[in-house]
C-alpha atoms as a PDB file:
ATOM      1  CA  MET A   1      52.897  74.994 110.568  1.00  0.00           C
ATOM      2  CA  GLU A   2      52.641  73.254 113.925  1.00  0.00           C
ATOM      3  CA  ASN A   3      51.651  75.115 117.074  1.00  0.00           C
ATOM      4  CA  LYS A   4      54.900  74.004 118.717  1.00  0.00           C
ATOM      5  CA  VAL A   5      56.965  75.731 116.040  1.00  0.00           C
ATOM      6  CA  LYS A   6      54.917  78.925 116.314  1.00  0.00           C
ATOM      7  CA  ALA A   7      55.125  78.942 120.120  1.00  0.00           C
ATOM      8  CA  GLY A   8      58.862  78.250 120.124  1.00  0.00           C
ATOM      9  CA  THR A   9      59.570  80.958 117.570  1.00  0.00           C
ATOM     10  CA  ALA A  10      57.476  83.549 119.370  1.00  0.00           C
ATOM     11  CA  ALA A  11      58.998  82.667 122.744  1.00  0.00           C
ATOM     12  CA  ALA A  12      62.544  82.896 121.396  1.00  0.00           C
ATOM     13  CA  TYR A  13      61.828  86.301 119.865  1.00  0.00           C
ATOM     14  CA  VAL A  14      60.166  87.710 122.971  1.00  0.00           C
ATOM     15  CA  ALA A  15      62.803  86.284 125.316  1.00  0.00           C
ATOM     16  CA  SER A  16      65.706  87.544 123.210  1.00  0.00           C
ATOM     17  CA  THR A  17      64.133  90.979 122.840  1.00  0.00           C
ATOM     18  CA  GLY A  18      63.442  91.185 126.561  1.00  0.00           C
ATOM     19  CA  LEU A  19      66.917  90.012 127.469  1.00  0.00           C
ATOM     20  CA  LEU A  20      68.623  92.431 125.089  1.00  0.00           C
ATOM     21  CA  GLY A  21      66.346  95.274 126.207  1.00  0.00           C
ATOM     22  CA  SER A  22      67.081  94.672 129.860  1.00  0.00           C
ATOM     23  CA  LEU A  23      70.801  94.442 129.175  1.00  0.00           C
ATOM     24  CA  ALA A  24      70.657  97.748 127.305  1.00  0.00           C
ATOM     25  CA  VAL A  25      68.969  99.376 130.298  1.00  0.00           C
ATOM     26  CA  ILE A  26      71.420  98.001 132.853  1.00  0.00           C
ATOM     27  CA  GLN A  27      74.613  97.967 130.803  1.00  0.00           C
ATOM     28  CA  ASP A  28      76.243 100.438 133.180  1.00  0.00           C
ATOM     29  CA  TYR A  29      75.506  98.121 136.096  1.00  0.00           C
ATOM     30  CA  ALA A  30      78.600  95.929 135.781  1.00  0.00           C
ATOM     31  CA  ARG A  31      77.927  93.961 138.945  1.00  0.00           C
ATOM     32  CA  LEU A  32      74.953  92.140 137.410  1.00  0.00           C
ATOM     33  CA  LEU A  33      77.073  89.173 136.335  1.00  0.00           C
ATOM     34  CA  SER A  34      80.229  89.914 138.275  1.00  0.00           C
ATOM     35  CA  TRP A  35      79.928  86.669 140.232  1.00  0.00           C
ATOM     36  CA  MET A  36      80.447  84.759 136.977  1.00  0.00           C
ATOM     37  CA  PRO A  37      83.664  84.493 134.926  1.00  0.00           C
ATOM     38  CA  ASP A  38      83.589  86.763 131.865  1.00  0.00           C
ATOM     39  CA  ALA A  39      83.948  83.831 129.474  1.00  0.00           C
ATOM     40  CA  ALA A  40      80.876  82.092 130.947  1.00  0.00           C
ATOM     41  CA  SER A  41      78.514  85.098 130.872  1.00  0.00           C
ATOM     42  CA  PRO A  42      77.430  84.801 127.200  1.00  0.00           C
ATOM     43  CA  PHE A  43      76.643  81.123 127.655  1.00  0.00           C
ATOM     44  CA  ALA A  44      74.602  81.776 130.791  1.00  0.00           C
ATOM     45  CA  LEU A  45      72.681  84.598 129.100  1.00  0.00           C
ATOM     46  CA  ALA A  46      71.987  82.410 126.068  1.00  0.00           C
ATOM     47  CA  LEU A  47      70.294  79.870 128.331  1.00  0.00           C
ATOM     48  CA  VAL A  48      67.442  82.269 129.165  1.00  0.00           C
ATOM     49  CA  PRO A  49      65.808  82.357 125.690  1.00  0.00           C
ATOM     50  CA  ALA A  50      66.648  78.695 125.153  1.00  0.00           C
ATOM     51  CA  LEU A  51      64.842  77.668 128.333  1.00  0.00           C
ATOM     52  CA  ILE A  52      61.848  79.860 127.542  1.00  0.00           C
ATOM     53  CA  THR A  53      61.685  78.381 124.034  1.00  0.00           C
ATOM     54  CA  PHE A  54      61.888  74.848 125.431  1.00  0.00           C
ATOM     55  CA  VAL A  55      59.060  75.498 127.890  1.00  0.00           C
ATOM     56  CA  ALA A  56      56.900  77.119 125.198  1.00  0.00           C
ATOM     57  CA  GLY A  57      57.409  74.149 122.870  1.00  0.00           C
ATOM     58  CA  TRP A  58      56.731  71.706 125.691  1.00  0.00           C
ATOM     59  CA  GLN A  59      53.478  73.443 126.681  1.00  0.00           C
ATOM     60  CA  ALA A  60      52.099  73.988 123.172  1.00  0.00           C
ATOM     61  CA  LYS A  61      49.711  71.386 121.854  1.00  0.00           C
ATOM     62  CA  HIS A  62      50.863  69.094 119.091  1.00  0.00           C
ATOM     63  CA  THR A  63      49.169  69.645 115.744  1.00  0.00           C
ATOM     64  CA  PRO A  64      48.226  66.236 114.326  1.00  0.00           C
ATOM     65  CA  ARG A  65      49.185  65.642 110.730  1.00  0.00           C
ATOM     66  CA  THR A  66      46.448  64.541 108.414  1.00  0.00           C
ATOM     67  CA  ASP A  67      48.444  64.495 105.175  1.00  0.00           C
ATOM     68  CA  THR A  68      50.808  61.618 106.033  1.00  0.00           C
ATOM     69  CA  PRO A  69      50.171  58.272 104.348  1.00  0.00           C
ATOM     70  CA  ASP A  70      49.365  55.211 106.450  1.00  0.00           C
ATOM     71  CA  ALA A  71      52.241  52.893 107.309  1.00  0.00           C
ATOM     72  CA  ASP A  72      50.413  49.953 105.652  1.00  0.00           C
ATOM     73  CA  GLU A  73      50.243  51.551 102.239  1.00  0.00           C
END
């Protein structure tokens, strides 16, 4: 499995867990996202793990494949 896949998976898990944990702690604090329309809040919150996953995949080194056949063969 490539390092990028491992890094992206781990980042998505950690980001989602952190986001859900923080929301559980502050769920009574309704003003957290009050500046945003209610319909847009889930989409904005979903961007946090997605951005963290993107950055983790971008930063992780590519694992070169050694089992692919040459293009000439």
